Amino acid sequence: MIPIIDSIVNDRRKSYQVNVLNLGSIPGIKDDIAVEMPAEIDGKGIHRKSFSQLPSKILKYAIMPRIMRAEWSISAFLEGGRDHLFEWLIIDRRTNSVSQVNQVIDAILQLPENDKMAKHFK
């Protein structure tokens, strides 16, 4: 049996590294953001660990930019259209030029396995 399922079904409390909604466990990160953290799991469910405030520099320069990129990509997906995909990629700090963004979009959308994506991001 899969260990986490065994802990839930048989009420065997054990520690696992899991992806869960933050729900106040890490101060400074919104509750609806999924985070990877250690948690105790048993028949009563998931018991998140509580953490102290992250150092400001880590939160501002490492965590928040990743959260923003994830939110932008979700918005681009939900809105559809090439312009939303372009807007998401052009603001990425790894982007070097408008030409690079257009080349990346074209290359991704031309892959045969991405035909549905190509229709969504026309």
N, C-alpha and C. Protein backbone atom coordinates (compact mmCIF):
# COMPACT_ATOMS: atom_id res chain seq x y z
N MET A 1 0.85 -1.18 0.00
CA MET A 1 0.00 0.00 0.00
C MET A 1 0.90 1.25 0.00
N ILE A 2 0.47 2.29 -0.66
CA ILE A 2 1.20 3.55 -0.70
C ILE A 2 1.25 4.11 0.72
N PRO A 3 2.45 4.51 1.20
CA PRO A 3 2.61 4.93 2.60
C PRO A 3 1.63 6.00 3.08
N ILE A 4 1.40 7.05 2.29
CA ILE A 4 0.49 8.11 2.74
C ILE A 4 -0.93 7.55 2.90
N ILE A 5 -1.35 6.74 1.95
CA ILE A 5 -2.68 6.15 2.04
C ILE A 5 -2.77 5.22 3.26
N ASP A 6 -1.70 4.48 3.50
CA ASP A 6 -1.66 3.62 4.68
C ASP A 6 -1.82 4.44 5.96
N SER A 7 -1.15 5.57 6.04
CA SER A 7 -1.27 6.44 7.22
C SER A 7 -2.70 6.92 7.41
N ILE A 8 -3.37 7.26 6.32
CA ILE A 8 -4.75 7.76 6.41
C ILE A 8 -5.71 6.63 6.76
N VAL A 9 -5.65 5.54 5.99
CA VAL A 9 -6.61 4.44 6.15
C VAL A 9 -6.44 3.74 7.50
N ASN A 10 -5.19 3.53 7.90
CA ASN A 10 -4.93 2.77 9.13
C ASN A 10 -4.59 3.65 10.33
N ASP A 11 -4.77 4.96 10.17
CA ASP A 11 -4.53 5.93 11.24
C ASP A 11 -3.14 5.74 11.87
N ARG A 12 -2.13 5.68 10.98
CA ARG A 12 -0.73 5.56 11.42
C ARG A 12 -0.03 6.89 11.16
N ARG A 13 0.13 7.65 12.19
CA ARG A 13 0.72 8.99 12.06
C ARG A 13 2.20 8.90 11.70
N LYS A 14 2.52 9.50 10.54
CA LYS A 14 3.91 9.54 10.06
C LYS A 14 4.17 10.89 9.40
N SER A 15 5.45 11.22 9.29
CA SER A 15 5.86 12.47 8.63
C SER A 15 6.12 12.21 7.15
N TYR A 16 5.66 13.15 6.33
CA TYR A 16 5.87 13.10 4.88
C TYR A 16 6.20 14.49 4.37
N GLN A 17 6.83 14.56 3.23
CA GLN A 17 7.04 15.81 2.51
C GLN A 17 5.90 15.89 1.50
N VAL A 18 5.02 16.88 1.62
CA VAL A 18 3.82 16.94 0.79
C VAL A 18 3.63 18.32 0.18
N ASN A 19 2.83 18.36 -0.88
CA ASN A 19 2.40 19.62 -1.48
C ASN A 19 0.98 19.88 -1.02
N VAL A 20 0.80 20.98 -0.30
CA VAL A 20 -0.51 21.34 0.25
C VAL A 20 -0.71 22.84 0.14
N LEU A 21 -1.95 23.27 0.30
CA LEU A 21 -2.20 24.71 0.37
C LEU A 21 -1.55 25.25 1.64
N ASN A 22 -1.01 26.43 1.56
CA ASN A 22 -0.30 27.02 2.69
C ASN A 22 -1.16 27.15 3.94
N LEU A 23 -2.34 27.73 3.80
CA LEU A 23 -3.29 27.89 4.91
C LEU A 23 -2.64 28.41 6.19
N GLY A 24 -1.79 29.43 6.06
CA GLY A 24 -1.20 30.09 7.22
C GLY A 24 0.04 29.44 7.78
N SER A 25 0.51 28.36 7.20
CA SER A 25 1.68 27.68 7.74
C SER A 25 2.97 28.47 7.59
N ILE A 26 3.09 29.19 6.46
CA ILE A 26 4.29 29.99 6.21
C ILE A 26 3.85 31.45 6.12
N PRO A 27 4.15 32.26 7.14
CA PRO A 27 3.74 33.67 7.12
C PRO A 27 4.31 34.40 5.90
N GLY A 28 3.49 35.27 5.32
CA GLY A 28 3.92 36.05 4.16
C GLY A 28 3.55 35.42 2.83
N ILE A 29 3.08 34.19 2.84
CA ILE A 29 2.63 33.52 1.62
C ILE A 29 1.13 33.33 1.75
N LYS A 30 0.40 33.70 0.67
CA LYS A 30 -1.06 33.61 0.71
C LYS A 30 -1.52 32.18 1.00
N ASP A 31 -2.67 32.09 1.64
CA ASP A 31 -3.22 30.80 2.03
C ASP A 31 -3.51 29.87 0.86
N ASP A 32 -3.87 30.43 -0.31
CA ASP A 32 -4.26 29.58 -1.44
C ASP A 32 -3.10 29.18 -2.33
N ILE A 33 -1.87 29.41 -1.89
CA ILE A 33 -0.68 29.01 -2.64
C ILE A 33 -0.25 27.63 -2.18
N ALA A 34 -0.02 26.73 -3.14
CA ALA A 34 0.47 25.40 -2.80
C ALA A 34 1.95 25.48 -2.46
N VAL A 35 2.32 24.85 -1.38
CA VAL A 35 3.71 24.84 -0.92
C VAL A 35 4.12 23.40 -0.62
N GLU A 36 5.40 23.13 -0.74
CA GLU A 36 5.92 21.82 -0.35
C GLU A 36 6.46 21.96 1.05
N MET A 37 6.02 21.08 1.95
CA MET A 37 6.44 21.18 3.35
C MET A 37 6.31 19.83 4.04
N PRO A 38 7.00 19.66 5.16
CA PRO A 38 6.79 18.45 5.95
C PRO A 38 5.46 18.54 6.67
N ALA A 39 4.79 17.40 6.77
CA ALA A 39 3.51 17.36 7.49
C ALA A 39 3.35 15.97 8.10
N GLU A 40 2.59 15.94 9.17
CA GLU A 40 2.21 14.67 9.79
C GLU A 40 0.87 14.27 9.18
N ILE A 41 0.74 13.00 8.82
CA ILE A 41 -0.51 12.52 8.23
C ILE A 41 -0.97 11.29 9.01
N ASP A 42 -2.28 11.29 9.32
CA ASP A 42 -2.88 10.15 10.01
C ASP A 42 -4.34 10.04 9.57
N GLY A 43 -5.11 9.25 10.28
CA GLY A 43 -6.51 9.04 9.94
C GLY A 43 -7.36 10.30 10.03
N LYS A 44 -6.88 11.30 10.73
CA LYS A 44 -7.63 12.56 10.86
C LYS A 44 -7.24 13.57 9.78
N GLY A 45 -6.23 13.24 8.97
CA GLY A 45 -5.86 14.12 7.86
C GLY A 45 -4.42 14.60 7.90
N ILE A 46 -4.24 15.76 7.29
CA ILE A 46 -2.91 16.37 7.15
C ILE A 46 -2.74 17.41 8.25
N HIS A 47 -1.63 17.32 8.96
CA HIS A 47 -1.33 18.27 10.03
C HIS A 47 -0.06 19.02 9.63
N ARG A 48 -0.28 20.24 9.12
CA ARG A 48 0.83 21.04 8.63
C ARG A 48 1.73 21.49 9.77
N LYS A 49 3.00 21.67 9.44
CA LYS A 49 3.94 22.28 10.39
C LYS A 49 3.76 23.79 10.30
N SER A 50 4.09 24.47 11.35
CA SER A 50 4.09 25.94 11.31
C SER A 50 5.53 26.42 11.23
N PHE A 51 5.72 27.49 10.48
CA PHE A 51 7.06 28.02 10.27
C PHE A 51 7.12 29.47 10.72
N SER A 52 8.31 29.92 11.02
CA SER A 52 8.49 31.34 11.36
C SER A 52 8.56 32.13 10.05
N GLN A 53 8.50 33.43 10.18
CA GLN A 53 8.56 34.33 9.03
C GLN A 53 9.85 34.07 8.25
N LEU A 54 9.73 33.95 6.93
CA LEU A 54 10.91 33.81 6.09
C LEU A 54 11.70 35.11 6.09
N PRO A 55 13.00 35.06 5.90
CA PRO A 55 13.76 36.31 5.76
C PRO A 55 13.19 37.12 4.60
N SER A 56 13.10 38.42 4.80
CA SER A 56 12.50 39.32 3.82
C SER A 56 13.11 39.17 2.42
N LYS A 57 14.42 39.07 2.33
CA LYS A 57 15.09 38.96 1.03
C LYS A 57 14.68 37.68 0.30
N ILE A 58 14.54 36.58 1.01
CA ILE A 58 14.12 35.32 0.39
C ILE A 58 12.69 35.44 -0.10
N LEU A 59 11.83 36.00 0.72
CA LEU A 59 10.42 36.15 0.34
C LEU A 59 10.28 37.07 -0.87
N LYS A 60 10.94 38.22 -0.84
CA LYS A 60 10.80 39.22 -1.92
C LYS A 60 11.50 38.84 -3.22
N TYR A 61 12.69 38.25 -3.12
CA TYR A 61 13.48 38.03 -4.33
C TYR A 61 13.45 36.61 -4.86
N ALA A 62 13.02 35.66 -4.06
CA ALA A 62 12.97 34.27 -4.54
C ALA A 62 11.54 33.73 -4.61
N ILE A 63 10.79 33.87 -3.53
CA ILE A 63 9.47 33.26 -3.47
C ILE A 63 8.42 34.05 -4.26
N MET A 64 8.30 35.34 -3.98
CA MET A 64 7.25 36.14 -4.63
C MET A 64 7.37 36.18 -6.16
N PRO A 65 8.57 36.32 -6.73
CA PRO A 65 8.65 36.28 -8.20
C PRO A 65 8.15 34.95 -8.78
N ARG A 66 8.40 33.85 -8.10
CA ARG A 66 7.92 32.56 -8.59
C ARG A 66 6.39 32.48 -8.51
N ILE A 67 5.85 33.00 -7.43
CA ILE A 67 4.39 33.01 -7.29
C ILE A 67 3.77 33.88 -8.38
N MET A 68 4.35 35.05 -8.62
CA MET A 68 3.81 35.95 -9.66
C MET A 68 3.88 35.30 -11.04
N ARG A 69 5.01 34.64 -11.37
CA ARG A 69 5.11 33.97 -12.67
C ARG A 69 4.06 32.88 -12.81
N ALA A 70 3.80 32.15 -11.75
CA ALA A 70 2.78 31.11 -11.79
C ALA A 70 1.40 31.73 -12.00
N GLU A 71 1.11 32.83 -11.30
CA GLU A 71 -0.19 33.49 -11.46
C GLU A 71 -0.35 34.06 -12.86
N TRP A 72 0.72 34.63 -13.43
CA TRP A 72 0.66 35.15 -14.80
C TRP A 72 0.42 34.03 -15.79
N SER A 73 1.08 32.88 -15.58
CA SER A 73 0.89 31.78 -16.53
C SER A 73 -0.54 31.24 -16.46
N ILE A 74 -1.10 31.19 -15.27
CA ILE A 74 -2.50 30.74 -15.12
C ILE A 74 -3.43 31.72 -15.82
N SER A 75 -3.20 33.02 -15.63
CA SER A 75 -4.03 34.03 -16.30
C SER A 75 -3.92 33.91 -17.81
N ALA A 76 -2.70 33.71 -18.31
CA ALA A 76 -2.51 33.56 -19.75
C ALA A 76 -3.28 32.36 -20.26
N PHE A 77 -3.24 31.27 -19.53
CA PHE A 77 -3.97 30.07 -19.94
C PHE A 77 -5.47 30.31 -19.94
N LEU A 78 -5.98 30.92 -18.86
CA LEU A 78 -7.42 31.14 -18.75
C LEU A 78 -7.94 32.11 -19.80
N GLU A 79 -7.16 33.13 -20.11
CA GLU A 79 -7.58 34.13 -21.09
C GLU A 79 -7.42 33.62 -22.52
N GLY A 80 -6.40 32.81 -22.76
CA GLY A 80 -6.12 32.36 -24.12
C GLY A 80 -5.58 33.52 -24.94
N GLY A 81 -5.33 33.27 -26.20
CA GLY A 81 -4.83 34.31 -27.09
C GLY A 81 -3.33 34.48 -26.97
N ARG A 82 -2.69 34.61 -28.10
CA ARG A 82 -1.23 34.76 -28.17
C ARG A 82 -0.75 35.99 -27.41
N ASP A 83 -1.53 37.07 -27.41
CA ASP A 83 -1.10 38.29 -26.74
C ASP A 83 -0.92 38.07 -25.24
N HIS A 84 -1.77 37.26 -24.62
CA HIS A 84 -1.63 36.97 -23.18
C HIS A 84 -0.39 36.12 -22.93
N LEU A 85 -0.14 35.17 -23.80
CA LEU A 85 1.05 34.35 -23.68
C LEU A 85 2.30 35.23 -23.84
N PHE A 86 2.27 36.14 -24.81
CA PHE A 86 3.38 37.07 -25.03
C PHE A 86 3.62 37.93 -23.78
N GLU A 87 2.55 38.49 -23.22
CA GLU A 87 2.68 39.35 -22.04
C GLU A 87 3.30 38.60 -20.87
N TRP A 88 2.93 37.34 -20.73
CA TRP A 88 3.49 36.54 -19.64
C TRP A 88 4.98 36.33 -19.84
N LEU A 89 5.39 36.02 -21.06
CA LEU A 89 6.80 35.72 -21.32
C LEU A 89 7.69 36.96 -21.37
N ILE A 90 7.16 38.07 -21.86
CA ILE A 90 8.00 39.26 -22.02
C ILE A 90 8.45 39.83 -20.67
N ILE A 91 7.67 39.62 -19.63
CA ILE A 91 8.04 40.18 -18.32
C ILE A 91 8.92 39.23 -17.51
N ASP A 92 9.15 38.03 -18.02
CA ASP A 92 10.03 37.10 -17.32
C ASP A 92 11.46 37.64 -17.35
N ARG A 93 12.12 37.62 -16.21
CA ARG A 93 13.47 38.18 -16.11
C ARG A 93 14.49 37.46 -16.99
N ARG A 94 14.16 36.26 -17.44
CA ARG A 94 15.06 35.50 -18.29
C ARG A 94 14.91 35.85 -19.77
N THR A 95 13.91 36.66 -20.09
CA THR A 95 13.66 37.05 -21.48
C THR A 95 14.64 38.13 -21.91
N ASN A 96 15.20 37.94 -23.11
CA ASN A 96 16.19 38.89 -23.62
C ASN A 96 15.65 39.86 -24.66
N SER A 97 14.58 39.47 -25.38
CA SER A 97 14.09 40.34 -26.44
C SER A 97 12.69 39.92 -26.89
N VAL A 98 12.04 40.85 -27.61
CA VAL A 98 10.73 40.56 -28.21
C VAL A 98 10.88 39.41 -29.20
N SER A 99 11.95 39.44 -29.97
CA SER A 99 12.21 38.39 -30.95
C SER A 99 12.30 37.02 -30.28
N GLN A 100 12.99 36.96 -29.15
CA GLN A 100 13.13 35.70 -28.43
C GLN A 100 11.75 35.17 -28.01
N VAL A 101 10.89 36.04 -27.50
CA VAL A 101 9.55 35.62 -27.06
C VAL A 101 8.78 35.05 -28.24
N ASN A 102 8.78 35.75 -29.36
CA ASN A 102 8.05 35.27 -30.53
C ASN A 102 8.60 33.95 -31.04
N GLN A 103 9.91 33.78 -31.02
CA GLN A 103 10.51 32.51 -31.46
C GLN A 103 10.12 31.37 -30.53
N VAL A 104 10.12 31.62 -29.24
CA VAL A 104 9.76 30.59 -28.27
C VAL A 104 8.29 30.19 -28.44
N ILE A 105 7.41 31.19 -28.55
CA ILE A 105 5.99 30.90 -28.73
C ILE A 105 5.78 30.09 -30.01
N ASP A 106 6.38 30.54 -31.11
CA ASP A 106 6.24 29.81 -32.38
C ASP A 106 6.73 28.37 -32.26
N ALA A 107 7.90 28.19 -31.65
CA ALA A 107 8.47 26.84 -31.53
C ALA A 107 7.57 25.92 -30.71
N ILE A 108 7.05 26.43 -29.61
CA ILE A 108 6.19 25.62 -28.74
C ILE A 108 4.88 25.28 -29.43
N LEU A 109 4.27 26.27 -30.06
CA LEU A 109 2.96 26.06 -30.69
C LEU A 109 3.02 25.23 -31.96
N GLN A 110 4.20 25.11 -32.56
CA GLN A 110 4.34 24.32 -33.79
C GLN A 110 4.60 22.84 -33.52
N LEU A 111 4.84 22.48 -32.27
CA LEU A 111 5.06 21.07 -31.95
C LEU A 111 3.75 20.31 -32.18
N PRO A 112 3.82 19.15 -32.84
CA PRO A 112 2.60 18.40 -33.16
C PRO A 112 1.75 18.08 -31.93
N GLU A 113 2.39 17.81 -30.81
CA GLU A 113 1.64 17.45 -29.61
C GLU A 113 0.94 18.64 -28.97
N ASN A 114 1.22 19.85 -29.46
CA ASN A 114 0.62 21.06 -28.90
C ASN A 114 -0.44 21.67 -29.81
N ASP A 115 -1.10 20.85 -30.63
CA ASP A 115 -2.08 21.39 -31.56
C ASP A 115 -3.27 22.04 -30.84
N LYS A 116 -3.72 21.47 -29.74
CA LYS A 116 -4.82 22.10 -28.99
C LYS A 116 -4.35 23.42 -28.37
N MET A 117 -3.13 23.44 -27.88
CA MET A 117 -2.57 24.66 -27.31
C MET A 117 -2.47 25.75 -28.39
N ALA A 118 -2.06 25.37 -29.60
CA ALA A 118 -1.94 26.34 -30.69
C ALA A 118 -3.29 26.99 -31.00
N LYS A 119 -4.35 26.21 -30.94
CA LYS A 119 -5.69 26.77 -31.18
C LYS A 119 -6.09 27.71 -30.05
N HIS A 120 -5.74 27.34 -28.82
CA HIS A 120 -6.09 28.16 -27.65
C HIS A 120 -5.34 29.50 -27.64
N PHE A 121 -4.10 29.49 -28.11
CA PHE A 121 -3.28 30.70 -28.07
C PHE A 121 -3.11 31.36 -29.44
N LYS A 122 -4.16 31.32 -30.27
CA LYS A 122 -4.10 32.00 -31.58
C LYS A 122 -4.09 33.49 -31.41
